[in-house]
């Protein structure tokens, strides 16, 4: 028999609210080995993230990785940590607040009833906790909007798993919609292009624009993930928006982990090769990340910069993620509106419903 968690009592005639839940990857609670061990254990225990036999991986994870990697990762996080927490947390929280304001001021009838919240797939606030909170507030419909423009089973599908796990313990679930991908959304592409143009207006143009996406094992492509193809399309559309010929940009993949072959070309080796071949300046943008995080601020802006300069390059520019840009918030709002279509956005209260229910014997 299913075991359901305690839920708020059903209130007859209550308002029917609609919510948007933004979900990003996650962050440790602090830049310390202990916090990283907790975070990495949750993250790397997800079978969507590491698709090798569970027993073999359990031995590797608990016997080696969780004893070695937390201290190294903590040092990297410490290099980018802010007074308000990790950059990913700060930017994701800000995006939710800005989207709430954008939707609330857009003038559509009833949109003031929309509730925008945020969660992390790993770490806190969790997807489960966010959905519990929304349900307690009387939310009847929620749009799950992962902050991953390109779909991958290890990211977007894992968010869907977390939502499904929550549903399993809920007696009376809210209606749900899931956004799968928006890698070619015109407003998203336009916002990316605007960041590049603004950077070039201030700093001049590079010899090469490198578009670095998060890497995945190559087997994900052969197993059916569209991620590689969607990254290629995002990169092509961005290049077209900037009027860049193929000779002036590269699409690469970063953050390789382990010994398996990953999607190629790899970002850092590409930068090293460009430097050795005489490329003087590169600009790097990470279109798959909509908020700056460890992988952009430490891996790209620090490690990859050093690698490029150490191999003979002269100038390296990192172009920040979309973060809190107004054009990105508007693009995110447009994506949300598209997927909210048909749902009532106003609060509907029935002041007589409670009295009718009581007369029929319902608990007060």
Protein backbone atom coordinates (compact mmCIF):
# COMPACT_ATOMS: atom_id res chain seq x y z
CA UNK A 1 0.00 0.00 0.00
CA UNK A 2 1.24 3.48 -0.85
CA UNK A 3 2.45 5.59 2.03
CA UNK A 4 1.48 9.20 1.58
CA UNK A 5 3.11 12.08 3.40
CA UNK A 6 0.93 14.36 5.51
CA UNK A 7 -0.60 17.12 3.41
CA UNK A 8 -2.48 20.32 4.12
CA UNK A 9 -6.23 19.61 4.41
CA UNK A 10 -8.28 20.25 1.31
CA UNK A 11 -9.97 23.65 1.55
CA UNK A 12 -13.27 23.95 -0.27
CA UNK A 13 -13.54 27.08 -2.37
CA UNK A 14 -9.88 28.01 -2.04
CA UNK A 15 -8.09 29.98 -4.74
CA UNK A 16 -6.63 28.00 -7.62
CA UNK A 17 -3.14 29.40 -8.04
CA UNK A 18 -0.56 28.68 -10.73
CA UNK A 19 3.19 28.50 -10.20
CA UNK A 20 6.43 28.28 -12.16
CA UNK A 21 9.28 26.34 -10.59
CA UNK A 22 12.73 27.10 -11.97
CA UNK A 23 15.17 24.25 -11.36
CA UNK A 24 18.94 24.34 -11.69
CA UNK A 25 21.60 21.70 -11.09
CA UNK A 26 22.62 22.37 -7.52
CA UNK A 27 25.23 23.67 -5.15
CA UNK A 28 26.96 22.66 -1.94
CA UNK A 29 25.92 24.50 1.20
CA UNK A 30 29.45 25.81 1.75
CA UNK A 31 32.88 25.65 0.08
CA UNK A 32 34.14 23.04 2.55
CA UNK A 33 35.18 19.39 2.12
CA UNK A 34 32.33 18.22 4.38
CA UNK A 35 29.69 20.13 2.41
CA UNK A 36 31.18 18.98 -0.89
CA UNK A 37 31.14 15.37 0.23
CA UNK A 38 27.41 15.61 0.98
CA UNK A 39 26.69 17.36 -2.30
CA UNK A 40 28.85 15.09 -4.46
CA UNK A 41 27.41 11.96 -2.88
CA UNK A 42 23.88 13.01 -3.83
CA UNK A 43 24.89 14.23 -7.28
CA UNK A 44 27.09 11.29 -8.27
CA UNK A 45 24.71 8.69 -6.80
CA UNK A 46 22.05 9.64 -9.35
CA UNK A 47 21.88 6.84 -11.96
CA UNK A 48 20.99 9.47 -14.54
CA UNK A 49 24.35 11.14 -13.98
CA UNK A 50 26.57 8.05 -13.97
CA UNK A 51 25.25 5.18 -16.08
CA UNK A 52 27.45 2.29 -15.09
CA UNK A 53 26.53 -0.79 -13.01
CA UNK A 54 25.45 0.35 -9.56
CA UNK A 55 27.67 -1.99 -7.52
CA UNK A 56 30.79 -1.10 -9.48
CA UNK A 57 30.05 2.60 -9.23
CA UNK A 58 29.21 2.37 -5.51
CA UNK A 59 32.66 0.96 -4.83
CA UNK A 60 34.38 3.64 -6.91
CA UNK A 61 32.31 6.48 -5.50
CA UNK A 62 32.54 5.55 -1.84
CA UNK A 63 35.99 3.99 -1.93
CA UNK A 64 37.84 6.59 -3.99
CA UNK A 65 35.98 9.67 -5.21
CA UNK A 66 34.30 10.76 -1.97
CA UNK A 67 37.63 10.39 -0.16
CA UNK A 68 39.64 12.41 -2.67
CA UNK A 69 37.49 14.83 -4.61
CA UNK A 70 35.67 16.84 -1.88
CA UNK A 71 38.80 18.70 -0.75
CA UNK A 72 39.82 19.52 -4.32
CA UNK A 73 36.33 20.65 -5.25
CA UNK A 74 36.02 22.73 -2.08
CA UNK A 75 39.12 24.69 -3.04
CA UNK A 76 37.64 25.40 -6.46
CA UNK A 77 34.33 26.54 -4.98
CA UNK A 78 36.15 28.76 -2.50
CA UNK A 79 37.74 30.60 -5.44
CA UNK A 80 34.33 31.72 -6.75
CA UNK A 81 32.18 31.79 -3.59
CA UNK A 82 30.39 35.05 -2.77
CA UNK A 83 29.19 36.59 0.48
CA UNK A 84 25.67 35.43 -0.45
CA UNK A 85 26.65 31.87 -1.34
CA UNK A 86 27.59 30.08 -4.53
CA UNK A 87 27.22 32.05 -7.78
CA UNK A 88 24.73 29.49 -9.09
CA UNK A 89 22.50 29.91 -6.05
CA UNK A 90 22.73 33.71 -6.15
CA UNK A 91 21.90 33.92 -9.86
CA UNK A 92 19.14 31.32 -9.81
CA UNK A 93 17.39 32.97 -6.88
CA UNK A 94 17.69 36.35 -8.60
CA UNK A 95 16.28 34.96 -11.85
CA UNK A 96 13.21 33.68 -10.01
CA UNK A 97 12.63 37.07 -8.36
CA UNK A 98 13.12 38.95 -11.62
CA UNK A 99 10.82 36.58 -13.51
CA UNK A 100 8.18 37.07 -10.81
CA UNK A 101 8.44 40.81 -11.32
CA UNK A 102 8.42 40.54 -15.11
CA UNK A 103 5.30 38.38 -15.15
CA UNK A 104 3.57 40.47 -12.53
CA UNK A 105 4.09 43.70 -14.41
CA UNK A 106 3.32 42.45 -17.89
CA UNK A 107 -0.32 43.50 -17.81
CA UNK A 108 -1.91 40.13 -18.59
CA UNK A 109 -5.19 39.63 -16.74
CA UNK A 110 -4.73 37.59 -13.60
CA UNK A 111 -0.97 37.14 -13.87
CA UNK A 112 -0.51 38.66 -10.43
CA UNK A 113 -1.65 35.26 -9.13
CA UNK A 114 1.38 33.55 -10.68
CA UNK A 115 3.93 32.34 -8.14
CA UNK A 116 7.56 31.91 -9.23
CA UNK A 117 9.84 29.77 -7.08
CA UNK A 118 13.18 28.01 -7.57
CA UNK A 119 14.88 24.80 -6.53
CA UNK A 120 18.03 22.76 -7.02
CA UNK A 121 18.15 19.19 -8.23
CA UNK A 122 20.98 18.46 -5.79
CA UNK A 123 21.41 20.29 -2.51
CA UNK A 124 18.98 22.85 -1.16
CA UNK A 125 16.32 24.03 -1.69
CA UNK A 126 15.30 20.67 -3.10
CA UNK A 127 12.64 20.07 -5.74
CA UNK A 128 10.63 18.10 -3.19
CA UNK A 129 10.74 20.92 -0.62
CA UNK A 130 9.76 23.52 -3.21
CA UNK A 131 6.77 21.49 -4.40
CA UNK A 132 5.68 20.90 -0.80
CA UNK A 133 5.84 24.64 -0.19
CA UNK A 134 3.85 25.48 -3.31
CA UNK A 135 1.19 22.92 -2.45
CA UNK A 136 0.91 24.33 1.07
CA UNK A 137 0.32 27.76 -0.47
CA UNK A 138 -2.65 26.45 -2.41
CA UNK A 139 -0.97 26.11 -5.80
CA UNK A 140 -3.06 23.89 -8.08
CA UNK A 141 -0.89 23.95 -11.23
CA UNK A 142 2.90 24.12 -11.59
CA UNK A 143 5.09 24.52 -14.64
CA UNK A 144 8.46 22.83 -14.08
CA UNK A 145 11.03 24.88 -15.99
CA UNK A 146 14.57 23.41 -15.82
CA UNK A 147 17.27 25.99 -16.46
CA UNK A 148 18.90 23.75 -19.07
CA UNK A 149 18.24 24.99 -22.63
CA UNK A 150 19.53 21.72 -24.14
CA UNK A 151 17.99 18.41 -23.04
CA UNK A 152 20.10 15.67 -21.50
CA UNK A 153 18.95 12.66 -19.51
CA UNK A 154 21.52 13.53 -16.83
CA UNK A 155 20.08 17.03 -16.32
CA UNK A 156 16.52 17.66 -17.49
CA UNK A 157 15.32 14.07 -17.15
CA UNK A 158 16.80 13.91 -13.67
CA UNK A 159 14.66 16.92 -12.72
CA UNK A 160 11.65 15.05 -14.04
CA UNK A 161 12.67 12.07 -11.88
CA UNK A 162 12.67 14.29 -8.79
CA UNK A 163 9.19 15.54 -9.64
CA UNK A 164 8.00 11.96 -10.19
CA UNK A 165 9.42 10.91 -6.81
CA UNK A 166 7.47 13.72 -5.18
CA UNK A 167 4.28 12.66 -6.95
CA UNK A 168 4.61 9.13 -5.58
CA UNK A 169 4.02 10.30 -2.02
CA UNK A 170 1.30 12.89 -2.69
CA UNK A 171 -2.33 11.97 -2.22
CA UNK A 172 -3.82 14.85 -4.19
CA UNK A 173 -1.16 16.16 -6.58
CA UNK A 174 -1.29 19.45 -8.39
CA UNK A 175 -1.43 19.54 -12.18
CA UNK A 176 2.05 19.60 -13.68
CA UNK A 177 3.67 20.54 -16.95
CA UNK A 178 7.32 19.93 -17.78
CA UNK A 179 9.45 22.03 -20.15
CA UNK A 180 11.82 19.72 -22.00
CA UNK A 181 14.15 22.07 -23.93
CA UNK A 182 14.39 25.49 -25.54
CA UNK A 183 17.80 25.32 -27.23
CA UNK A 184 16.58 27.14 -30.34
CA UNK A 185 14.20 29.64 -28.75
CA UNK A 186 14.66 32.90 -30.73
CA UNK A 187 14.65 35.16 -27.66
CA UNK A 188 17.21 32.95 -25.88
CA UNK A 189 19.48 33.07 -28.95
CA UNK A 190 18.98 36.82 -29.23
CA UNK A 191 19.97 37.34 -25.58
CA UNK A 192 23.14 35.28 -26.11
CA UNK A 193 24.00 37.29 -29.20
CA UNK A 194 23.44 40.55 -27.34
CA UNK A 195 25.95 39.55 -24.63
CA UNK A 196 28.58 38.90 -27.30
CA UNK A 197 27.90 42.11 -29.22
CA UNK A 198 28.08 44.17 -26.02
CA UNK A 199 31.38 42.54 -25.08
CA UNK A 200 32.82 43.18 -28.52
CA UNK A 201 31.64 46.78 -28.48
CA UNK A 202 33.61 47.31 -25.27
CA UNK A 203 36.68 45.15 -25.96
CA UNK A 204 36.96 44.59 -29.70
CA UNK A 205 36.63 41.32 -31.55
CA UNK A 206 38.64 38.11 -31.03
CA UNK A 207 40.34 35.86 -33.54
CA UNK A 208 38.05 33.03 -32.43
CA UNK A 209 34.79 32.75 -30.51
CA UNK A 210 34.70 29.48 -28.59
CA UNK A 211 31.26 28.24 -27.51
CA UNK A 212 31.82 25.81 -24.67
CA UNK A 213 29.01 23.49 -23.56
CA UNK A 214 29.07 21.09 -20.64
CA UNK A 215 30.37 17.72 -21.75
CA UNK A 216 28.72 14.32 -21.50
CA UNK A 217 30.00 10.80 -22.16
CA UNK A 218 29.86 9.95 -25.85
CA UNK A 219 27.60 6.97 -25.15
CA UNK A 220 24.77 9.37 -24.31
CA UNK A 221 24.64 10.29 -28.00
CA UNK A 222 24.45 6.68 -29.15
CA UNK A 223 21.82 5.93 -26.50
CA UNK A 224 19.48 8.58 -27.87
CA UNK A 225 20.20 11.85 -26.06
CA UNK A 226 19.67 14.80 -28.43
CA UNK A 227 22.05 16.92 -26.34
CA UNK A 228 24.97 16.97 -28.77
CA UNK A 229 22.71 17.90 -31.69
CA UNK A 230 20.90 20.59 -29.70
CA UNK A 231 24.22 22.14 -28.62
CA UNK A 232 25.31 22.21 -32.25
CA UNK A 233 22.09 23.94 -33.25
CA UNK A 234 22.38 26.52 -30.47
CA UNK A 235 25.94 27.24 -31.55
CA UNK A 236 25.00 27.52 -35.22
CA UNK A 237 22.09 29.85 -34.50
CA UNK A 238 24.28 32.03 -32.29
CA UNK A 239 26.93 32.22 -35.00
CA UNK A 240 24.30 33.14 -37.58
CA UNK A 241 22.94 35.88 -35.31
CA UNK A 242 26.50 37.26 -35.06
CA UNK A 243 27.18 36.82 -38.82
CA UNK A 244 30.16 34.61 -38.00
CA UNK A 245 31.53 32.28 -40.70
CA UNK A 246 32.49 28.74 -39.59
CA UNK A 247 36.18 29.68 -39.64
CA UNK A 248 35.68 32.19 -36.80
CA UNK A 249 34.02 30.05 -34.13
CA UNK A 250 34.33 26.66 -32.47
CA UNK A 251 31.79 24.53 -30.56
CA UNK A 252 33.47 22.56 -27.77
CA UNK A 253 32.64 20.53 -24.66
CA UNK A 254 34.07 21.00 -21.16
CA UNK A 255 34.11 19.33 -17.72
CA UNK A 256 35.23 15.87 -18.77
CA UNK A 257 35.30 13.41 -15.86
CA UNK A 258 36.71 9.89 -15.79
CA UNK A 259 38.43 7.84 -18.47
CA UNK A 260 35.54 7.25 -20.88
CA UNK A 261 35.39 9.13 -24.18
CA UNK A 262 33.20 12.21 -23.97
CA UNK A 263 31.64 14.45 -26.56
CA UNK A 264 34.31 16.19 -28.59
CA UNK A 265 36.12 18.45 -29.26
CA UNK A 266 37.19 19.11 -25.68
CA UNK A 267 37.37 22.76 -24.64
CA UNK A 268 40.74 23.05 -22.92
CA UNK A 269 42.74 21.02 -25.48
CA UNK A 270 41.09 23.09 -28.24
CA UNK A 271 42.19 26.31 -26.57
CA UNK A 272 45.72 24.99 -26.13
CA UNK A 273 45.89 24.00 -29.79
CA UNK A 274 44.59 27.37 -30.94
CA UNK A 275 47.27 29.10 -28.86
CA UNK A 276 50.06 26.90 -30.20
CA UNK A 277 48.88 27.50 -33.77
CA UNK A 278 49.18 31.26 -33.34
CA UNK A 279 45.71 32.41 -32.33
CA UNK A 280 46.30 35.61 -30.35
CA UNK A 281 42.91 36.19 -28.76
CA UNK A 282 39.94 34.01 -27.95
CA UNK A 283 36.60 34.90 -26.41
CA UNK A 284 34.75 32.07 -24.67
CA UNK A 285 31.01 31.93 -24.02
CA UNK A 286 29.10 29.07 -22.37
CA UNK A 287 25.63 29.08 -24.00
CA UNK A 288 24.38 25.99 -22.17
CA UNK A 289 24.72 27.66 -18.77
CA UNK A 290 22.16 30.39 -18.13
CA UNK A 291 23.75 31.29 -14.78
CA UNK A 292 27.42 31.56 -13.91
CA UNK A 293 28.69 28.75 -11.71
CA UNK A 294 31.81 26.77 -10.87
CA UNK A 295 32.10 25.40 -14.40
CA UNK A 296 32.13 28.84 -15.98
CA UNK A 297 33.88 31.03 -13.40
CA UNK A 298 36.57 28.60 -12.26
CA UNK A 299 36.98 26.05 -15.04
CA UNK A 300 36.66 28.44 -18.00
CA UNK A 301 37.55 31.91 -16.71
CA UNK A 302 40.48 30.65 -14.59
CA UNK A 303 41.76 27.21 -15.65
CA UNK A 304 41.16 27.52 -19.38
CA UNK A 305 42.48 31.07 -19.43
CA UNK A 306 45.73 29.88 -17.85
CA UNK A 307 45.98 27.00 -20.31
CA UNK A 308 45.51 29.30 -23.31
CA UNK A 309 48.04 31.87 -22.12
CA UNK A 310 50.58 29.22 -21.08
CA UNK A 311 50.53 27.81 -24.61
CA UNK A 312 51.30 31.08 -26.35
CA UNK A 313 47.98 32.90 -26.52
CA UNK A 314 48.03 36.57 -25.65
CA UNK A 315 44.48 37.55 -24.73
CA UNK A 316 41.62 35.52 -23.24
CA UNK A 317 38.15 36.90 -22.58
CA UNK A 318 35.35 35.08 -20.79
CA UNK A 319 31.88 36.39 -21.70
CA UNK A 320 29.56 35.98 -18.68
CA UNK A 321 26.39 33.91 -18.72
CA UNK A 322 22.96 35.42 -19.16
CA UNK A 323 22.49 35.66 -15.39
CA UNK A 324 20.17 38.57 -14.56
CA UNK A 325 20.06 40.31 -17.94
CA UNK A 326 16.63 41.82 -18.70
CA UNK A 327 16.56 40.30 -22.20
CA UNK A 328 17.14 36.83 -20.73
CA UNK A 329 14.44 37.30 -18.10
CA UNK A 330 12.07 38.35 -20.91
CA UNK A 331 13.09 35.28 -22.91
CA UNK A 332 12.48 33.06 -19.89
CA UNK A 333 9.09 34.72 -19.43
CA UNK A 334 8.23 34.05 -23.05
CA UNK A 335 9.14 30.39 -22.69
CA UNK A 336 7.02 30.16 -19.53
CA UNK A 337 4.03 31.87 -21.17
CA UNK A 338 4.16 29.48 -24.10
CA UNK A 339 3.97 26.47 -21.80
CA UNK A 340 1.37 28.03 -19.51
CA UNK A 341 -1.02 28.49 -22.43
CA UNK A 342 -4.54 27.37 -21.59
CA UNK A 343 -4.08 27.36 -17.83
CA UNK A 344 -6.13 29.91 -15.85
CA UNK A 345 -3.79 32.42 -14.31
CA UNK A 346 -6.25 34.27 -12.10
CA UNK A 347 -7.23 33.23 -8.59
CA UNK A 348 -10.75 31.79 -8.52
CA UNK A 349 -12.42 31.73 -5.10
CA UNK A 350 -15.87 30.35 -4.35
CA UNK A 351 -17.00 31.89 -1.04
CA UNK A 352 -20.00 29.56 -0.79
CA UNK A 353 -18.16 26.30 -1.38
CA UNK A 354 -17.13 25.72 2.23
CA UNK A 355 -20.69 26.13 3.52
CA UNK A 356 -22.05 23.74 0.88
CA UNK A 357 -19.39 21.16 1.67
CA UNK A 358 -20.14 21.38 5.39
CA UNK A 359 -23.83 20.90 4.74
CA UNK A 360 -22.98 17.72 2.85
CA UNK A 361 -20.98 16.37 5.77
CA UNK A 362 -17.45 17.38 4.85
CA UNK A 363 -15.14 18.13 7.78
CA UNK A 364 -14.88 21.82 8.55
